[in-house]
């Protein structure tokens, strides 16, 4: 699964969190969070955890709301 870069970064900004804060909150590595925020391939579980922490749906972070 890949996040839409623009949507992911906008959600991160709206949350008021940094990538480091997000990684610490979710007990994920910083490279994993960075990969997600930059459109890299991540697991569905990781995507769900990040979306929940950002207060948005997974679908809103995926381009056109469709999993690729």
C-alpha atoms as a PDB file:
ATOM      1  CA  UNK A   1       0.000   0.000   0.000  1.00  0.00           C
ATOM      2  CA  UNK A   2       1.230   3.499  -0.803  1.00  0.00           C
ATOM      3  CA  UNK A   3       0.054   6.807   0.632  1.00  0.00           C
ATOM      4  CA  UNK A   4      -0.612   9.798  -1.575  1.00  0.00           C
ATOM      5  CA  UNK A   5       2.321  12.026  -0.595  1.00  0.00           C
ATOM      6  CA  UNK A   6       0.325  15.277  -0.582  1.00  0.00           C
ATOM      7  CA  UNK A   7      -2.545  13.850   1.475  1.00  0.00           C
ATOM      8  CA  UNK A   8      -0.219  12.148   3.963  1.00  0.00           C
ATOM      9  CA  UNK A   9       1.855  15.262   4.544  1.00  0.00           C
ATOM     10  CA  UNK A  10      -1.251  17.460   4.866  1.00  0.00           C
ATOM     11  CA  UNK A  11      -2.697  15.068   7.457  1.00  0.00           C
ATOM     12  CA  UNK A  12       0.595  15.147   9.355  1.00  0.00           C
ATOM     13  CA  UNK A  13       0.629  18.956   9.376  1.00  0.00           C
ATOM     14  CA  UNK A  14      -3.028  19.131  10.467  1.00  0.00           C
ATOM     15  CA  UNK A  15      -2.254  16.743  13.330  1.00  0.00           C
ATOM     16  CA  UNK A  16       0.431  19.101  14.611  1.00  0.00           C
ATOM     17  CA  UNK A  17       2.863  16.199  14.907  1.00  0.00           C
ATOM     18  CA  UNK A  18       6.271  15.668  13.389  1.00  0.00           C
ATOM     19  CA  UNK A  19       7.387  12.433  11.771  1.00  0.00           C
ATOM     20  CA  UNK A  20       9.627  11.817  14.792  1.00  0.00           C
ATOM     21  CA  UNK A  21       6.722  12.298  17.207  1.00  0.00           C
ATOM     22  CA  UNK A  22       4.545  10.004  15.112  1.00  0.00           C
ATOM     23  CA  UNK A  23       7.218   7.306  15.021  1.00  0.00           C
ATOM     24  CA  UNK A  24       7.689   7.508  18.786  1.00  0.00           C
ATOM     25  CA  UNK A  25       3.935   7.422  19.457  1.00  0.00           C
ATOM     26  CA  UNK A  26       3.468   4.349  17.262  1.00  0.00           C
ATOM     27  CA  UNK A  27       6.733   2.617  18.202  1.00  0.00           C
ATOM     28  CA  UNK A  28       7.721   2.593  14.523  1.00  0.00           C
ATOM     29  CA  UNK A  29      11.144   3.408  13.190  1.00  0.00           C
ATOM     30  CA  UNK A  30      11.684   6.884  11.799  1.00  0.00           C
ATOM     31  CA  UNK A  31      12.647   5.422   8.398  1.00  0.00           C
ATOM     32  CA  UNK A  32       9.336   3.506   8.313  1.00  0.00           C
ATOM     33  CA  UNK A  33       7.306   6.671   8.948  1.00  0.00           C
ATOM     34  CA  UNK A  34       9.407   8.611   6.459  1.00  0.00           C
ATOM     35  CA  UNK A  35       8.862   5.911   3.857  1.00  0.00           C
ATOM     36  CA  UNK A  36       5.098   6.080   4.393  1.00  0.00           C
ATOM     37  CA  UNK A  37       5.000   9.876   4.205  1.00  0.00           C
ATOM     38  CA  UNK A  38       7.007   9.846   0.985  1.00  0.00           C
ATOM     39  CA  UNK A  39       4.817   7.358  -0.877  1.00  0.00           C
ATOM     40  CA  UNK A  40       6.831   4.200  -0.239  1.00  0.00           C
ATOM     41  CA  UNK A  41       5.250   0.797   0.119  1.00  0.00           C
ATOM     42  CA  UNK A  42       3.998  -0.025   3.625  1.00  0.00           C
ATOM     43  CA  UNK A  43       1.810  -2.744   5.090  1.00  0.00           C
ATOM     44  CA  UNK A  44      -1.919  -2.269   5.537  1.00  0.00           C
ATOM     45  CA  UNK A  45      -1.482  -2.577   9.308  1.00  0.00           C
ATOM     46  CA  UNK A  46       1.120   0.194   9.380  1.00  0.00           C
ATOM     47  CA  UNK A  47      -1.090   2.378   7.193  1.00  0.00           C
ATOM     48  CA  UNK A  48      -4.027   1.854   9.543  1.00  0.00           C
ATOM     49  CA  UNK A  49      -1.929   2.717  12.614  1.00  0.00           C
ATOM     50  CA  UNK A  50      -0.566   5.890  11.029  1.00  0.00           C
ATOM     51  CA  UNK A  51      -4.001   6.998   9.817  1.00  0.00           C
ATOM     52  CA  UNK A  52      -5.508   6.466  13.265  1.00  0.00           C
ATOM     53  CA  UNK A  53      -2.701   8.441  14.924  1.00  0.00           C
ATOM     54  CA  UNK A  54      -3.282  11.275  12.452  1.00  0.00           C
ATOM     55  CA  UNK A  55      -7.041  11.198  13.050  1.00  0.00           C
ATOM     56  CA  UNK A  56      -7.973  10.338   9.478  1.00  0.00           C
ATOM     57  CA  UNK A  57      -9.155   7.302   7.538  1.00  0.00           C
ATOM     58  CA  UNK A  58      -6.743   5.124   5.602  1.00  0.00           C
ATOM     59  CA  UNK A  59      -8.808   5.777   2.491  1.00  0.00           C
ATOM     60  CA  UNK A  60      -8.217   9.529   2.792  1.00  0.00           C
ATOM     61  CA  UNK A  61      -4.462   8.958   2.643  1.00  0.00           C
ATOM     62  CA  UNK A  62      -4.560   6.775  -0.451  1.00  0.00           C
ATOM     63  CA  UNK A  63      -4.672   8.390  -3.870  1.00  0.00           C
ATOM     64  CA  UNK A  64      -8.300   8.575  -5.036  1.00  0.00           C
ATOM     65  CA  UNK A  65      -9.295   6.612  -1.931  1.00  0.00           C
ATOM     66  CA  UNK A  66      -8.323   3.365  -3.650  1.00  0.00           C
ATOM     67  CA  UNK A  67      -5.643   0.929  -2.556  1.00  0.00           C
ATOM     68  CA  UNK A  68      -2.940   0.453  -5.190  1.00  0.00           C
END
